[in-house]
C-alpha atoms as a PDB file:
ATOM      1  CA  MET A   1       4.648 -37.391   3.639  1.00  0.00           C
ATOM      2  CA  ALA A   2       2.202 -38.493   6.424  1.00  0.00           C
ATOM      3  CA  GLU A   3      -0.962 -36.639   6.670  1.00  0.00           C
ATOM      4  CA  PRO A   4      -0.863 -34.604   9.984  1.00  0.00           C
ATOM      5  CA  THR A   5      -3.463 -35.090  12.445  1.00  0.00           C
ATOM      6  CA  ILE A   6      -5.922 -32.379  13.430  1.00  0.00           C
ATOM      7  CA  GLN A   7      -4.059 -32.139  16.713  1.00  0.00           C
ATOM      8  CA  GLN A   8      -0.637 -31.678  15.172  1.00  0.00           C
ATOM      9  CA  LEU A   9      -1.981 -28.904  12.917  1.00  0.00           C
ATOM     10  CA  PHE A  10      -3.394 -26.957  15.870  1.00  0.00           C
ATOM     11  CA  ASP A  11      -0.248 -27.647  18.043  1.00  0.00           C
ATOM     12  CA  LEU A  12       1.848 -24.586  18.776  1.00  0.00           C
ATOM     13  CA  SER A  13       4.470 -26.270  20.807  1.00  0.00           C
ATOM     14  CA  GLY A  14       7.767 -25.074  20.377  1.00  0.00           C
ATOM     15  CA  LYS A  15       6.715 -21.863  18.522  1.00  0.00           C
ATOM     16  CA  THR A  16       6.858 -18.386  19.901  1.00  0.00           C
ATOM     17  CA  ALA A  17       4.228 -15.769  19.772  1.00  0.00           C
ATOM     18  CA  LEU A  18       4.465 -12.011  20.293  1.00  0.00           C
ATOM     19  CA  VAL A  19       1.099 -10.428  21.363  1.00  0.00           C
ATOM     20  CA  THR A  20       0.671  -6.734  21.436  1.00  0.00           C
ATOM     21  CA  GLY A  21      -2.146  -5.011  23.533  1.00  0.00           C
ATOM     22  CA  ALA A  22      -2.108  -8.280  25.553  1.00  0.00           C
ATOM     23  CA  THR A  23      -3.285  -7.133  28.634  1.00  0.00           C
ATOM     24  CA  GLY A  24      -6.621  -5.675  27.294  1.00  0.00           C
ATOM     25  CA  TRP A  25     -10.273  -7.142  26.877  1.00  0.00           C
ATOM     26  CA  LEU A  26      -9.573  -9.092  23.753  1.00  0.00           C
ATOM     27  CA  GLY A  27      -5.715  -9.248  23.978  1.00  0.00           C
ATOM     28  CA  ALA A  28      -5.821 -11.299  27.237  1.00  0.00           C
ATOM     29  CA  ALA A  29      -7.955 -13.919  25.773  1.00  0.00           C
ATOM     30  CA  LEU A  30      -5.900 -14.168  22.587  1.00  0.00           C
ATOM     31  CA  SER A  31      -2.712 -14.534  24.744  1.00  0.00           C
ATOM     32  CA  ARG A  32      -4.335 -17.258  26.880  1.00  0.00           C
ATOM     33  CA  ALA A  33      -5.461 -19.144  23.648  1.00  0.00           C
ATOM     34  CA  LEU A  34      -1.874 -19.240  22.176  1.00  0.00           C
ATOM     35  CA  ALA A  35      -0.497 -20.386  25.680  1.00  0.00           C
ATOM     36  CA  GLU A  36      -2.967 -23.150  25.926  1.00  0.00           C
ATOM     37  CA  ALA A  37      -2.004 -24.264  22.377  1.00  0.00           C
ATOM     38  CA  GLY A  38       1.427 -24.838  23.568  1.00  0.00           C
ATOM     39  CA  ALA A  39       3.239 -21.569  22.261  1.00  0.00           C
ATOM     40  CA  ASN A  40       5.910 -19.670  24.352  1.00  0.00           C
ATOM     41  CA  VAL A  41       4.176 -16.199  24.601  1.00  0.00           C
ATOM     42  CA  VAL A  42       5.514 -12.943  24.645  1.00  0.00           C
ATOM     43  CA  VAL A  43       3.235 -10.070  25.830  1.00  0.00           C
ATOM     44  CA  SER A  44       3.836  -6.332  25.351  1.00  0.00           C
ATOM     45  CA  SER A  45       2.480  -3.651  27.215  1.00  0.00           C
ATOM     46  CA  ARG A  46       3.891   0.290  27.475  1.00  0.00           C
ATOM     47  CA  LYS A  47       4.594  -0.664  30.952  1.00  0.00           C
ATOM     48  CA  GLN A  48       7.161  -3.722  31.285  1.00  0.00           C
ATOM     49  CA  GLU A  49       5.955  -4.366  34.837  1.00  0.00           C
ATOM     50  CA  LYS A  50       2.377  -4.869  33.706  1.00  0.00           C
ATOM     51  CA  ALA A  51       3.464  -7.105  30.805  1.00  0.00           C
ATOM     52  CA  GLN A  52       5.554  -9.276  32.988  1.00  0.00           C
ATOM     53  CA  ALA A  53       2.880  -9.712  35.712  1.00  0.00           C
ATOM     54  CA  PHE A  54       0.398 -10.760  32.916  1.00  0.00           C
ATOM     55  CA  ALA A  55       2.953 -13.274  31.517  1.00  0.00           C
ATOM     56  CA  ARG A  56       3.284 -14.763  35.098  1.00  0.00           C
ATOM     57  CA  GLU A  57      -0.488 -15.395  34.802  1.00  0.00           C
ATOM     58  CA  LEU A  58      -0.536 -17.192  31.299  1.00  0.00           C
ATOM     59  CA  PRO A  59      -1.063 -20.997  31.255  1.00  0.00           C
ATOM     60  CA  VAL A  60       2.033 -23.316  30.753  1.00  0.00           C
ATOM     61  CA  ARG A  61       1.706 -26.209  28.633  1.00  0.00           C
ATOM     62  CA  ASN A  62       4.756 -28.676  28.478  1.00  0.00           C
ATOM     63  CA  ALA A  63       7.986 -26.738  28.538  1.00  0.00           C
ATOM     64  CA  ALA A  64       6.707 -23.446  27.330  1.00  0.00           C
ATOM     65  CA  ARG A  65       7.844 -20.168  28.884  1.00  0.00           C
ATOM     66  CA  HIS A  66       6.378 -16.719  28.802  1.00  0.00           C
ATOM     67  CA  TYR A  67       7.889 -13.116  28.774  1.00  0.00           C
ATOM     68  CA  GLY A  68       6.783  -9.596  29.127  1.00  0.00           C
ATOM     69  CA  ILE A  69       8.283  -6.669  27.328  1.00  0.00           C
ATOM     70  CA  GLU A  70       7.705  -3.037  26.980  1.00  0.00           C
ATOM     71  CA  MET A  71       6.564  -1.579  23.666  1.00  0.00           C
ATOM     72  CA  ASP A  72       4.941   1.608  22.585  1.00  0.00           C
ATOM     73  CA  TYR A  73       2.854   1.268  19.455  1.00  0.00           C
ATOM     74  CA  LEU A  74       3.265   4.811  18.441  1.00  0.00           C
ATOM     75  CA  ASP A  75       7.105   5.029  18.857  1.00  0.00           C
ATOM     76  CA  PRO A  76       9.198   3.446  16.112  1.00  0.00           C
ATOM     77  CA  ALA A  77      12.186   3.380  18.415  1.00  0.00           C
ATOM     78  CA  SER A  78      10.243   1.615  21.119  1.00  0.00           C
ATOM     79  CA  ILE A  79       8.953  -1.138  18.575  1.00  0.00           C
ATOM     80  CA  GLU A  80      12.551  -1.709  17.470  1.00  0.00           C
ATOM     81  CA  ARG A  81      13.655  -2.023  20.938  1.00  0.00           C
ATOM     82  CA  GLY A  82      10.714  -4.391  22.023  1.00  0.00           C
ATOM     83  CA  VAL A  83      11.110  -6.794  19.150  1.00  0.00           C
ATOM     84  CA  ALA A  84      15.035  -7.080  20.097  1.00  0.00           C
ATOM     85  CA  ASP A  85      14.046  -7.652  23.732  1.00  0.00           C
ATOM     86  CA  ALA A  86      11.508 -10.292  22.604  1.00  0.00           C
ATOM     87  CA  ILE A  87      13.990 -12.258  20.507  1.00  0.00           C
ATOM     88  CA  ARG A  88      16.769 -11.797  23.095  1.00  0.00           C
ATOM     89  CA  GLN A  89      14.683 -13.544  25.734  1.00  0.00           C
ATOM     90  CA  ALA A  90      12.525 -15.825  23.622  1.00  0.00           C
ATOM     91  CA  GLY A  91      15.221 -16.689  20.939  1.00  0.00           C
ATOM     92  CA  ARG A  92      12.747 -16.291  18.129  1.00  0.00           C
ATOM     93  CA  ILE A  93       9.390 -15.009  17.018  1.00  0.00           C
ATOM     94  CA  ASP A  94       7.167 -17.459  14.867  1.00  0.00           C
ATOM     95  CA  ILE A  95       3.874 -15.538  15.297  1.00  0.00           C
ATOM     96  CA  LEU A  96       2.739 -11.944  15.578  1.00  0.00           C
ATOM     97  CA  VAL A  97      -0.743 -10.803  16.906  1.00  0.00           C
ATOM     98  CA  ASN A  98      -0.749  -7.229  15.925  1.00  0.00           C
ATOM     99  CA  ASN A  99      -3.508  -6.469  18.458  1.00  0.00           C
ATOM    100  CA  GLY A 100      -2.369  -3.198  20.118  1.00  0.00           C
ATOM    101  CA  TYR A 101      -3.536   0.343  19.386  1.00  0.00           C
ATOM    102  CA  GLU A 102      -3.989   3.576  21.183  1.00  0.00           C
ATOM    103  CA  LEU A 103      -7.628   5.281  20.752  1.00  0.00           C
ATOM    104  CA  SER A 104      -7.699   8.961  20.276  1.00  0.00           C
ATOM    105  CA  PRO A 105     -10.698  10.956  21.665  1.00  0.00           C
ATOM    106  CA  GLY A 106     -13.512  12.405  19.503  1.00  0.00           C
ATOM    107  CA  ASP A 107     -15.875  11.348  16.819  1.00  0.00           C
ATOM    108  CA  LEU A 108     -16.839  12.915  13.431  1.00  0.00           C
ATOM    109  CA  THR A 109     -18.254  15.796  14.944  1.00  0.00           C
ATOM    110  CA  ASN A 110     -15.515  17.305  17.040  1.00  0.00           C
ATOM    111  CA  ILE A 111     -12.246  15.065  16.576  1.00  0.00           C
ATOM    112  CA  THR A 112      -9.195  17.316  15.770  1.00  0.00           C
ATOM    113  CA  PRO A 113      -6.783  16.880  13.071  1.00  0.00           C
ATOM    114  CA  GLU A 114      -4.034  15.942  15.709  1.00  0.00           C
ATOM    115  CA  ALA A 115      -6.079  13.298  17.148  1.00  0.00           C
ATOM    116  CA  PHE A 116      -6.984  11.930  13.876  1.00  0.00           C
ATOM    117  CA  ASN A 117      -3.547  11.519  12.613  1.00  0.00           C
ATOM    118  CA  LYS A 118      -2.583  10.264  16.047  1.00  0.00           C
ATOM    119  CA  GLN A 119      -5.242   7.309  15.560  1.00  0.00           C
ATOM    120  CA  LEU A 120      -3.957   6.705  12.027  1.00  0.00           C
ATOM    121  CA  SER A 121      -0.412   6.377  13.197  1.00  0.00           C
ATOM    122  CA  ASN A 122      -1.526   3.052  14.814  1.00  0.00           C
ATOM    123  CA  ALA A 123      -1.236   1.776  11.166  1.00  0.00           C
ATOM    124  CA  THR A 124       2.194   2.846  11.022  1.00  0.00           C
ATOM    125  CA  GLY A 125       3.153   1.010  14.017  1.00  0.00           C
ATOM    126  CA  CYS A 126       1.291  -2.019  13.086  1.00  0.00           C
ATOM    127  CA  PHE A 127       3.330  -2.146   9.789  1.00  0.00           C
ATOM    128  CA  LEU A 128       6.583  -1.466  11.320  1.00  0.00           C
ATOM    129  CA  LEU A 129       6.244  -4.289  13.781  1.00  0.00           C
ATOM    130  CA  ALA A 130       5.016  -6.663  11.132  1.00  0.00           C
ATOM    131  CA  ARG A 131       8.163  -5.674   8.937  1.00  0.00           C
ATOM    132  CA  HIS A 132      10.310  -6.320  11.908  1.00  0.00           C
ATOM    133  CA  ILE A 133       8.887  -9.887  12.273  1.00  0.00           C
ATOM    134  CA  HIS A 134       9.076 -10.558   8.571  1.00  0.00           C
ATOM    135  CA  ASP A 135      12.831  -9.455   8.262  1.00  0.00           C
ATOM    136  CA  HIS A 136      13.521 -11.580  11.572  1.00  0.00           C
ATOM    137  CA  ALA A 137      11.702 -14.679   9.876  1.00  0.00           C
ATOM    138  CA  VAL A 138      13.719 -14.170   6.599  1.00  0.00           C
ATOM    139  CA  GLN A 139      17.118 -13.883   8.338  1.00  0.00           C
ATOM    140  CA  ARG A 140      16.705 -17.033  10.883  1.00  0.00           C
ATOM    141  CA  GLY A 141      15.203 -19.099   7.692  1.00  0.00           C
ATOM    142  CA  GLY A 142      11.613 -19.955   8.326  1.00  0.00           C
ATOM    143  CA  GLY A 143       8.257 -18.841   7.920  1.00  0.00           C
ATOM    144  CA  ALA A 144       6.043 -16.874  10.313  1.00  0.00           C
ATOM    145  CA  SER A 145       2.305 -16.136  10.746  1.00  0.00           C
ATOM    146  CA  ILE A 146       1.403 -12.523  11.313  1.00  0.00           C
ATOM    147  CA  ILE A 147      -2.151 -11.936  12.405  1.00  0.00           C
ATOM    148  CA  MET A 148      -3.554  -8.300  12.234  1.00  0.00           C
ATOM    149  CA  LEU A 149      -6.605  -7.275  14.289  1.00  0.00           C
ATOM    150  CA  GLY A 150      -9.409  -5.576  12.352  1.00  0.00           C
ATOM    151  CA  SER A 151     -13.039  -4.786  13.259  1.00  0.00           C
ATOM    152  CA  MET A 152     -16.552  -4.931  11.796  1.00  0.00           C
ATOM    153  CA  TYR A 153     -16.329  -1.256  11.507  1.00  0.00           C
ATOM    154  CA  ALA A 154     -13.598  -1.827   8.819  1.00  0.00           C
ATOM    155  CA  LEU A 155     -16.454  -3.550   6.568  1.00  0.00           C
ATOM    156  CA  VAL A 156     -19.574  -1.563   7.588  1.00  0.00           C
ATOM    157  CA  GLY A 157     -20.769   1.781   9.071  1.00  0.00           C
ATOM    158  CA  SER A 158     -22.113   2.095  12.413  1.00  0.00           C
ATOM    159  CA  TYR A 159     -25.620   2.522  13.401  1.00  0.00           C
ATOM    160  CA  PRO A 160     -25.966   6.223  14.726  1.00  0.00           C
ATOM    161  CA  ASP A 161     -29.005   5.325  16.778  1.00  0.00           C
ATOM    162  CA  ALA A 162     -26.992   2.852  18.881  1.00  0.00           C
ATOM    163  CA  TYR A 163     -25.002   5.664  20.352  1.00  0.00           C
ATOM    164  CA  ALA A 164     -27.418   8.689  20.005  1.00  0.00           C
ATOM    165  CA  GLY A 165     -28.065  10.106  23.509  1.00  0.00           C
ATOM    166  CA  ILE A 166     -25.775   7.675  25.259  1.00  0.00           C
ATOM    167  CA  CYS A 167     -22.256   8.273  24.264  1.00  0.00           C
ATOM    168  CA  GLN A 168     -20.084   9.695  21.303  1.00  0.00           C
ATOM    169  CA  ALA A 169     -20.438   7.996  18.005  1.00  0.00           C
ATOM    170  CA  SER A 170     -17.993   5.401  16.906  1.00  0.00           C
ATOM    171  CA  SER A 171     -14.748   7.178  15.986  1.00  0.00           C
ATOM    172  CA  VAL A 172     -14.383   8.081  12.268  1.00  0.00           C
ATOM    173  CA  ALA A 173     -10.503   7.595  12.604  1.00  0.00           C
ATOM    174  CA  TYR A 174     -11.088   4.207  14.190  1.00  0.00           C
ATOM    175  CA  HIS A 175     -13.079   3.073  11.069  1.00  0.00           C
ATOM    176  CA  THR A 176     -10.439   4.680   8.733  1.00  0.00           C
ATOM    177  CA  LEU A 177      -7.736   2.824  10.878  1.00  0.00           C
ATOM    178  CA  LYS A 178      -9.390  -0.350  10.755  1.00  0.00           C
ATOM    179  CA  GLY A 179     -10.281  -0.285   7.003  1.00  0.00           C
ATOM    180  CA  GLY A 180      -6.468   0.332   6.248  1.00  0.00           C
ATOM    181  CA  ILE A 181      -5.423  -2.457   8.348  1.00  0.00           C
ATOM    182  CA  VAL A 182      -7.465  -4.934   6.061  1.00  0.00           C
ATOM    183  CA  GLN A 183      -6.134  -3.614   3.084  1.00  0.00           C
ATOM    184  CA  MET A 184      -2.513  -3.632   4.546  1.00  0.00           C
ATOM    185  CA  THR A 185      -2.982  -7.221   5.153  1.00  0.00           C
ATOM    186  CA  ARG A 186      -3.884  -8.183   1.380  1.00  0.00           C
ATOM    187  CA  HIS A 187      -0.942  -6.032   0.180  1.00  0.00           C
ATOM    188  CA  LEU A 188       1.744  -7.412   2.708  1.00  0.00           C
ATOM    189  CA  ALA A 189       0.418 -10.972   2.092  1.00  0.00           C
ATOM    190  CA  VAL A 190       1.051 -10.957  -1.459  1.00  0.00           C
ATOM    191  CA  TYR A 191       4.697  -9.623  -1.181  1.00  0.00           C
ATOM    192  CA  TRP A 192       5.762 -11.659   1.684  1.00  0.00           C
ATOM    193  CA  ALA A 193       4.084 -15.091   0.443  1.00  0.00           C
ATOM    194  CA  LYS A 194       7.492 -15.969  -1.208  1.00  0.00           C
ATOM    195  CA  ASP A 195       9.342 -15.606   2.176  1.00  0.00           C
ATOM    196  CA  GLY A 196       7.030 -17.992   3.823  1.00  0.00           C
ATOM    197  CA  VAL A 197       5.380 -15.295   5.826  1.00  0.00           C
ATOM    198  CA  ARG A 198       1.535 -15.461   5.893  1.00  0.00           C
ATOM    199  CA  VAL A 199      -0.443 -12.132   6.847  1.00  0.00           C
ATOM    200  CA  ASN A 200      -4.132 -12.650   7.731  1.00  0.00           C
ATOM    201  CA  THR A 201      -6.743 -10.448   9.578  1.00  0.00           C
ATOM    202  CA  LEU A 202      -8.800 -11.513  12.530  1.00  0.00           C
ATOM    203  CA  THR A 203     -12.024  -9.386  12.732  1.00  0.00           C
ATOM    204  CA  PRO A 204     -13.944  -9.196  15.646  1.00  0.00           C
ATOM    205  CA  GLY A 205     -17.455  -7.891  15.761  1.00  0.00           C
ATOM    206  CA  PRO A 206     -19.192  -6.500  18.733  1.00  0.00           C
ATOM    207  CA  PHE A 207     -17.053  -7.232  21.740  1.00  0.00           C
ATOM    208  CA  PRO A 208     -17.521  -4.450  24.097  1.00  0.00           C
ATOM    209  CA  ALA A 209     -15.643  -4.322  27.355  1.00  0.00           C
ATOM    210  CA  PRO A 210     -17.450  -4.389  30.642  1.00  0.00           C
ATOM    211  CA  THR A 211     -16.796  -0.630  30.810  1.00  0.00           C
ATOM    212  CA  ALA A 212     -18.884   0.208  27.849  1.00  0.00           C
ATOM    213  CA  PRO A 213     -22.293   2.138  28.564  1.00  0.00           C
ATOM    214  CA  ARG A 214     -24.797  -0.628  29.189  1.00  0.00           C
ATOM    215  CA  ALA A 215     -27.496   1.167  27.357  1.00  0.00           C
ATOM    216  CA  MET A 216     -25.334   1.474  24.258  1.00  0.00           C
ATOM    217  CA  VAL A 217     -24.683  -2.407  24.571  1.00  0.00           C
ATOM    218  CA  GLU A 218     -28.318  -3.037  24.840  1.00  0.00           C
ATOM    219  CA  ARG A 219     -28.998  -1.214  21.816  1.00  0.00           C
ATOM    220  CA  LEU A 220     -26.029  -3.063  19.934  1.00  0.00           C
ATOM    221  CA  CYS A 221     -27.651  -6.557  20.800  1.00  0.00           C
ATOM    222  CA  THR A 222     -30.541  -5.545  18.627  1.00  0.00           C
ATOM    223  CA  LYS A 223     -28.322  -4.988  15.612  1.00  0.00           C
ATOM    224  CA  SER A 224     -27.133  -8.571  15.896  1.00  0.00           C
ATOM    225  CA  PRO A 225     -28.513 -11.661  14.277  1.00  0.00           C
ATOM    226  CA  MET A 226     -27.523 -13.555  17.378  1.00  0.00           C
ATOM    227  CA  GLY A 227     -29.013 -10.882  19.693  1.00  0.00           C
ATOM    228  CA  ARG A 228     -26.064 -10.598  21.902  1.00  0.00           C
ATOM    229  CA  MET A 229     -22.418  -9.378  22.058  1.00  0.00           C
ATOM    230  CA  GLY A 230     -19.321 -11.687  21.622  1.00  0.00           C
ATOM    231  CA  ARG A 231     -17.365 -12.928  24.479  1.00  0.00           C
ATOM    232  CA  PRO A 232     -13.537 -12.698  24.212  1.00  0.00           C
ATOM    233  CA  ASP A 233     -13.282 -16.515  24.672  1.00  0.00           C
ATOM    234  CA  GLU A 234     -15.089 -16.776  21.085  1.00  0.00           C
ATOM    235  CA  LEU A 235     -11.979 -15.631  19.395  1.00  0.00           C
ATOM    236  CA  LYS A 236      -9.681 -18.152  20.840  1.00  0.00           C
ATOM    237  CA  GLY A 237     -10.310 -20.796  18.292  1.00  0.00           C
ATOM    238  CA  ALA A 238      -9.759 -18.426  15.420  1.00  0.00           C
ATOM    239  CA  VAL A 239      -6.484 -16.919  16.573  1.00  0.00           C
ATOM    240  CA  VAL A 240      -4.954 -20.435  17.124  1.00  0.00           C
ATOM    241  CA  PHE A 241      -6.324 -21.454  13.698  1.00  0.00           C
ATOM    242  CA  LEU A 242      -4.577 -18.599  11.979  1.00  0.00           C
ATOM    243  CA  ALA A 243      -1.387 -18.877  14.072  1.00  0.00           C
ATOM    244  CA  SER A 244      -1.008 -22.549  13.463  1.00  0.00           C
ATOM    245  CA  ASP A 245      -0.339 -25.066  10.316  1.00  0.00           C
ATOM    246  CA  ALA A 246      -3.886 -25.559  10.392  1.00  0.00           C
ATOM    247  CA  SER A 247      -4.127 -22.437   8.160  1.00  0.00           C
ATOM    248  CA  GLY A 248      -0.990 -23.012   6.351  1.00  0.00           C
ATOM    249  CA  TYR A 249      -2.204 -22.250   2.859  1.00  0.00           C
ATOM    250  CA  MET A 250      -4.073 -19.382   3.783  1.00  0.00           C
ATOM    251  CA  THR A 251      -2.934 -15.697   3.550  1.00  0.00           C
ATOM    252  CA  GLY A 252      -4.299 -12.246   2.717  1.00  0.00           C
ATOM    253  CA  GLN A 253      -7.554 -13.221   4.250  1.00  0.00           C
ATOM    254  CA  ASN A 254     -10.080 -11.656   6.729  1.00  0.00           C
ATOM    255  CA  VAL A 255     -11.680 -13.936   9.310  1.00  0.00           C
ATOM    256  CA  VAL A 256     -14.777 -12.441  10.595  1.00  0.00           C
ATOM    257  CA  ILE A 257     -16.140 -13.512  13.999  1.00  0.00           C
ATOM    258  CA  ASP A 258     -19.339 -11.198  14.377  1.00  0.00           C
ATOM    259  CA  GLY A 259     -22.293 -13.265  15.232  1.00  0.00           C
ATOM    260  CA  GLY A 260     -23.411 -12.405  11.717  1.00  0.00           C
ATOM    261  CA  TRP A 261     -23.303  -8.603  12.209  1.00  0.00           C
ATOM    262  CA  THR A 262     -21.900  -8.056   8.552  1.00  0.00           C
ATOM    263  CA  ALA A 263     -24.405 -10.604   7.053  1.00  0.00           C
ATOM    264  CA  TRP A 264     -27.334  -7.988   7.323  1.00  0.00           C
END
């Protein structure tokens, strides 16, 4: 067997990726990365028109095609319909980027039981979607790469002084959710490896959206060894690596892109 070149290892031509939360701050960059690497990309949103509009904006390499579907992460029936629609339009799914989630209001001082449970139900949606893609890969005969989205707050606690007097603290339910996602990755990886389905987590560090309070962002910069926040494009190389044959012998791992945040 000839040794594949680095260009071949990272090439996603002929593969199809499903990206949830694709129109968001990080999801948009992840979607563009996969399209730029040659993949067909199916993007999901709770509004199909929004997903379709974004799919039309994605770059096209060679003969790739992009699609938009409707999917509500908190509704199992919507997940099932969305996966069926994605397969109907694209023919197959080889890559899943499990990026979408719905944030619940409140921090550890005032979050309600209902809001806490709703936040954790994102993990249920993440699992159900991953299982659909696993089962699809087994049925069609062939592997798949499933990429979960973690957070630095799955690994470390937040700094209270970064938020004090500016905005509510980082949500305890969010920390709990993302910690669970990292552990879910390990569990699914060891059970699904025999089926050729790899499961890894991509964990961003501080990547605040432009809408984040500037005073909080300035405080967060002082906590980073690099002294700055991450840019969405700085996740593009990692997601292509995890999606492609370049990471073919890698599963159950957590790739952390955080400017050194968790190295303190």
